[in-house]
Amino acid sequence: MGIGKDVLFWEDNWVGSGALKSVFPRLFSLSLSKASTVVEFGAWNSRIWDWNFVWGRNLFEWEKHLVCLLLQEVQGVSVDLEKKDRWVWKEGRS
């Protein structure tokens, strides 16, 4: 992934576990940004990418744990404002 403007955060398979709406269906249902791209979910703060999620209501404590798991999932991905997004097919039949 490059800048993340062509990659849908919830819908596209841009992290290892698959589409995030399938991995975290509860958080997807609570998100106010269901059709947003990856770059719309955060911003650069100095040299650190800060993720920013907008929920339809205050989260329950157990849902906050899901957010921690979501952050772990996307933590290793870096938004690069200098690169364009590109599609990469993983090895396999499908």
Protein backbone atom coordinates (compact mmCIF):
# COMPACT_ATOMS: atom_id res chain seq x y z
CA MET A 1 0.00 0.00 0.00
CA GLY A 2 1.12 3.51 -0.70
CA ILE A 3 -0.90 6.56 0.26
CA GLY A 4 -4.05 4.53 0.90
CA LYS A 5 -6.45 6.75 -1.06
CA ASP A 6 -7.53 3.90 -3.35
CA VAL A 7 -7.80 1.24 -0.64
CA LEU A 8 -11.06 0.88 1.28
CA PHE A 9 -10.28 0.43 4.97
CA TRP A 10 -13.08 -2.03 5.79
CA GLU A 11 -13.80 -3.59 2.39
CA ASP A 12 -10.44 -4.31 0.74
CA ASN A 13 -8.00 -7.05 1.71
CA TRP A 14 -5.01 -4.87 2.58
CA VAL A 15 -3.83 -6.58 5.78
CA GLY A 16 -3.00 -10.22 6.40
CA SER A 17 -6.24 -11.49 7.88
CA GLY A 18 -8.57 -10.44 5.06
CA ALA A 19 -11.17 -7.70 4.77
CA LEU A 20 -11.45 -5.98 8.14
CA LYS A 21 -15.25 -5.89 7.99
CA SER A 22 -15.17 -9.71 8.13
CA VAL A 23 -12.50 -9.92 10.81
CA PHE A 24 -14.13 -7.24 13.01
CA PRO A 25 -17.84 -7.27 12.13
CA ARG A 26 -18.89 -5.60 15.38
CA LEU A 27 -16.54 -2.64 14.84
CA PHE A 28 -17.58 -2.39 11.21
CA SER A 29 -21.23 -2.14 12.27
CA LEU A 30 -20.35 0.68 14.69
CA SER A 31 -18.11 2.61 12.31
CA LEU A 32 -19.34 5.90 10.88
CA SER A 33 -16.75 5.54 8.11
CA LYS A 34 -17.82 2.33 6.39
CA ALA A 35 -16.89 3.47 2.87
CA SER A 36 -13.73 5.42 3.74
CA THR A 37 -10.25 4.76 2.43
CA VAL A 38 -7.25 3.90 4.57
CA VAL A 39 -5.78 7.40 4.39
CA GLU A 40 -9.05 8.84 5.74
CA PHE A 41 -8.62 6.82 8.94
CA GLY A 42 -5.63 8.74 10.24
CA ALA A 43 -3.05 11.45 9.83
CA TRP A 44 0.67 11.99 10.17
CA ASN A 45 1.71 13.44 13.52
CA SER A 46 5.35 14.41 13.02
CA ARG A 47 6.78 11.12 11.72
CA ILE A 48 4.16 8.84 13.28
CA TRP A 49 0.91 7.73 11.66
CA ASP A 50 -1.99 8.15 14.09
CA TRP A 51 -5.08 6.03 13.42
CA ASN A 52 -8.39 7.77 14.08
CA PHE A 53 -11.65 5.82 14.27
CA VAL A 54 -15.10 7.40 14.48
CA TRP A 55 -17.79 5.31 16.13
CA GLY A 56 -21.56 5.80 16.14
CA ARG A 57 -21.66 5.69 19.94
CA ASN A 58 -19.40 5.28 22.94
CA LEU A 59 -17.87 1.82 22.99
CA PHE A 60 -18.48 -0.77 25.68
CA GLU A 61 -15.38 -1.96 27.52
CA TRP A 62 -15.31 -5.27 25.64
CA GLU A 63 -15.54 -3.39 22.33
CA LYS A 64 -12.51 -1.31 23.32
CA HIS A 65 -10.59 -4.59 23.44
CA LEU A 66 -11.64 -5.21 19.81
CA VAL A 67 -10.23 -1.80 18.90
CA CYS A 68 -6.91 -2.83 20.47
CA LEU A 69 -6.93 -5.97 18.34
CA LEU A 70 -7.75 -3.90 15.26
CA LEU A 71 -4.86 -1.56 16.01
CA GLN A 72 -2.53 -4.55 16.35
CA GLU A 73 -3.72 -5.75 12.95
CA VAL A 74 -3.03 -2.45 11.15
CA GLN A 75 -0.05 -1.33 13.23
CA GLY A 76 2.57 -2.77 10.89
CA VAL A 77 1.12 -1.04 7.83
CA SER A 78 2.57 2.29 6.96
CA VAL A 79 0.83 4.97 4.93
CA ASP A 80 3.37 6.41 2.50
CA LEU A 81 2.39 9.76 1.01
CA GLU A 82 5.12 9.41 -1.61
CA LYS A 83 3.84 6.16 -3.17
CA LYS A 84 0.77 5.29 -5.19
CA ASP A 85 -1.40 2.36 -4.18
CA ARG A 86 -1.01 -0.80 -6.21
CA TRP A 87 -2.67 -4.20 -6.25
CA VAL A 88 -0.61 -7.30 -5.51
CA TRP A 89 -2.00 -10.79 -6.08
CA LYS A 90 -0.98 -13.37 -3.49
CA GLU A 91 0.06 -16.77 -4.71
CA GLY A 92 -2.80 -19.24 -5.00
CA ARG A 93 -5.74 -20.26 -7.17
CA SER A 94 -8.12 -17.52 -6.12
